[in-house]
Every structure is written in C-alpha cells, then in structure tokens.
C-alpha cells in the first residue's frame, strides 16, 4: 500500500513538472509575439513620422504656391486694367481646377443659414427690414428662410404690383388713395413713397396733348401748390404741430405761384412765408415750380429764385416761369440785371437733371445752366431770340425743347453744340414758314438724334385763349387757313438715325408728309391732328388731305390706313399712332387709333 501511494505521488509530481514546462513555453511564445508587435508598432511610428514630415513639406509647398498665385493674380489684374493680355496662355502658369491658365483660387464652402443662427432669430432680423428689395434678395438667397419669409410676400411683392395697378388705372392717383396705401404698414409706406418720388412723370418735359393719360398726371394731382401767404403759414403751423417726420410732401414736389398782379405787398408776404417754409423742409424737396405772374422786376425775380435755391440743395427738377405783362422788364436795362447776376450768383445745383423755363430773361437762363452741369433735359418755352452762352457746357444733355419764331431762331439752333438724342420744336407758322431752312438745320443733329417732335402751330387761337377749369375757351376761329405743303417744294428731312417722329399740327393744315421719305430707319410715327373742328366724324378724317403731288397717300383712318403706301415706303416702320381732336372746346379729348405692321397685309391697291 505504501509503495502504491509513493508511485502516485511521483506521477503527480512529474505531471506538475511537465505542466510548468508547458507554461514556460507559452510564456516564451507570448513574449515573442509581444516583441513582434512592438517591432510593428515601431515601424508604424516611423512611417507616421515620415508622413508628418511629408505633410509639413506639402504645406510649405502649398503656401509657396499660394504666394506665387497671388503674385500672378496681381499681374493679371494689372494686365486687365491696362487692357492687355499675356500671350501664349502662360506656359509655366499654375493651372487651377478650371484650367485655361487661370490663377488658382481658394473657394470656401458656404454654410447653411440655420447653422449660423436659429430660424427664430432670423425671423426677428427680417422684422427690421424695410426695403422690399432686401426681402426679395433674402427670399432668393436661401430656401431655409422661406418658412419665415412666405408670410411676408405681400410686403415685398407690393412694389412690383403697384406700378401695374397704376398703369391699368385700377385706382385714382389722388392723395386719399395714396394715403390709405401708406397706412397699411411701414413697408407699404416706403414702397408708395419711393414709387411716387421716382415716377417718370416728374422727369418728363411738358408734352403737348399727352396730359390725358391719368398715370402721367400724378405730378399735377399730388403736388402741393401754394398761392397765398396764408396757405403757406397754415401749412407750416400744422406741420410743426402734427407732423413728426422730416418730409411732409409725399412726392417731394411743390409749386409756388405768385398771382398778385399789382399787389406787391401781398407778393412780398408770400415769398417771405415761402422762404420761412423752405428753411425747414427745403432739403426734402426734389421737384419745384416757381411761377410769378405779379408785377415783379427781373432783378427781384432773380433774387427770389436765388433765395429759394439756396434752401433746396437736393433739387432735381426745376420749373421757372416769369409771366410779367407789365413794362418793368423793358424799363430795367439788361446791364442792371447782369450786375445783379454777377453780384449774387446762384448756388451750384449738382443734382438738377431737368430744367423747364417759361419767358425767362436770357441772363437768368444762362446763370441756371452755368450752375447745373448735370442737366439731361432742357425746355425753353416762349423765349424769343434765345441764345445760349458759348461757355456753357452741358455734356449730359440729351433732350431739348425750344420754340422757333423767326429766321434768327433757326440760325441759332444750328449753333447748338450739344449731342442731342431727343429734340422738340414748336414752330409758330404765323411768324415763320420757311421749312426748307429748318429741315436743313436739323441735319446738324443727324449723327445722334433718335427722336424728333415737331409742332406746327399758327399761334392765333392759343395766344388769345383762356383756360377755364378743364376746358379752354378759344377765340373765334379764323376763317383763313394756313397750309403747309412740302410735296411741291420737294422738302426732305435727312436724319439717318431717327427712330421716332411725332408731328403735331394745331390750327394748321398739313397737306403731306413726304419729307419723311429719307427716314429709312423710322420705326414709330405719331400724328396729332389738333385742328379738327368737329363737323366730321373722326373716323372720316384723313391724316393728310388728298394731294395729287404727294408720294405718301392716305385713304382714311380705321381699316383704310392699311391701304396707305407708307408701309412700303418706310420698310422699318413698326407702328402709326393717330390722335384726332374730336371737339375743339375740349382741349384734352382726343380720339386714338393705333396701327401696327403685324396687321398689315401687303397687296397692291389702286388708289382710284
């Protein structure tokens, strides 16, 4: 028994020894594996260090490339500024992604709007926007803002809808309707003010027979007009008590009229009140009309205008009228007025773009032109023997309206050095009938002239008429007729670049319009017949009476105008617009007929 126990103990001891040997082998194996892993880690660390070195080297190279590209970009900009380009496309030039030898530019990726600020904060920011253009730009910039901007569509789309409503005459353009629209919200108020203040009617010259379009009458309907000192003082007192804003005039347009003929005391009171008002709000006025019917001397009128202009530094459109029927103008010598102009010059009017004058003394007119070099449109009404100073430089003038009373006026017209695009002439035929010299002088403006307005007026009925409300009380019609015939004289108008021609005949019978035959680029023809006495229907009246010597023939209006040969003789003519006065007692009522080439059918029609 004892021997068996000893054998078992020896066996167990041997197994334990073998187990220890096996454990030692496994330990050695693990040590070997750990050593291999350490070696791998060491190699990886070495590779990482090599990659870091390469990365640093690439960064340095990238910085050098950026500096080179900036230098090349600067050279490219200098080349573009000088109007030169490098030849050959730049062989050693670094090419960007787009190729073509352009300098490489760094493009930053734009962040989403909601990553910058939450949508609620964007909504609070949009609540402080006033200009509708800002709303529209934000709406187009990011779709992430649409949930906040969609409810505001009526705000920023209103400025685009308002011109359409006004053009279609959906509402009357008066102060009540405009005031209601301005009270809707602050954005609508800003849109209405901007539309009215920048409307094109403010910058248009006075066009004859165009006052019947309602949307062109906003200048007259919304303009504040002051005639007496009491009206000016009441407006000033009410403004100081009830109005808090800087601009009390919706359209920034105001008219001051002095009708106190023979009452110089009331006239002085009026202009004293006007100067007091302009001292408060003169900077807000853009469009102003100063008209004097009182017995003021030219020197006094000049001083009044100067005091007003010094208080209106932002004036854009200025109308000056000096309708003085007294003898003070003839008694005061021209030298005295010249001395007053030299002693008290007008202030510079850098923003003035439109100047309209009526019976203004020549010295005052020249002074206005000398102080406003940015004028684009000039109208000189009822100015006999008008001559412009040669030192006047109006490089921006594109439109001129002037009257022709004599041969001397035609000669002075040919001396005008300005490059005009639009020219309007009022030809008083009772004093001047030599159209050959006039047409020859107009060729002086041929290289630049695009639009020409010709009004042939006898002048007898218009000078002896009086305006009463919306009607004009004309003098008894003259039984004799003044006839203008250009076909017999073979007169032609040579303006190669003319595109629009407007012919207005008032108290004159125009036998033909053959003088337009050389106008091969004419696209639009407007004929205004202001001599119709109402005895015949407008549809039966011809634009020109039948003349056997005339080349251009008309056979009536309505559908018969397409039978005229004017469509063949003027190949680029797109439309013919007729305005015929149906009743001589209503100065604004005209019948309109529009004809376009699209409705013209080319066929040979026998005039007989």
Foldseek 3Di string as FASTA:
>chain_A
DVVVVVVVVVVVVVVVVVVVVVVVVVVVVVVVVVVVVVVVVVVVVVVVVVVVVVVVVVVVVVVVLVVVLVVVVVVQVVCVVVVHDDPPQDPPADAAPVGSSHRHDDDDDDDAPCVVDNLVVVLVVVVPDQELVVLVVVVVPDVVNCVSSVVCCCLSCVLVVVVVCLQVCVDQLAPVVLVVQLPPDRNSVVSSLVCLQPPCLLVDDDDALPCLRRSSCNLVRQEAEDEFLVVLVVVVVCCVPPNDDLAPRSNLHYEYEYQPAPCVVRVVSNLVSVLVVLQRRLQSHAHYEYEYAYQDELLVVLVSVQSSQVSNQNHAEYEYEYNYPDCRHVVDDPVVSVVSCVVRAHAARARHAEYHYEQRDQSSVQSVQQRYQNHAEYEYHPHPPHAHDPPRHNANHAEYEDEDQEPSVLVRLLVDPYQYQEYEYEYQCLRDQPVQSNLVSVVSNQVRYAEYEYEYEVPPFVVPWDDDPQWIRTDPDDPDAAERECLVVVAARDRANYAEYEYHYASHAYAADQNDLNNQNHAEYEYEYRHDAQPDDQQADWSHPDDPSYPWDFDTDDPRRLVTCPCVSRVNHFKYKYWYDNHNGRSNDTDIDIDGPVPRDDDDDDPD
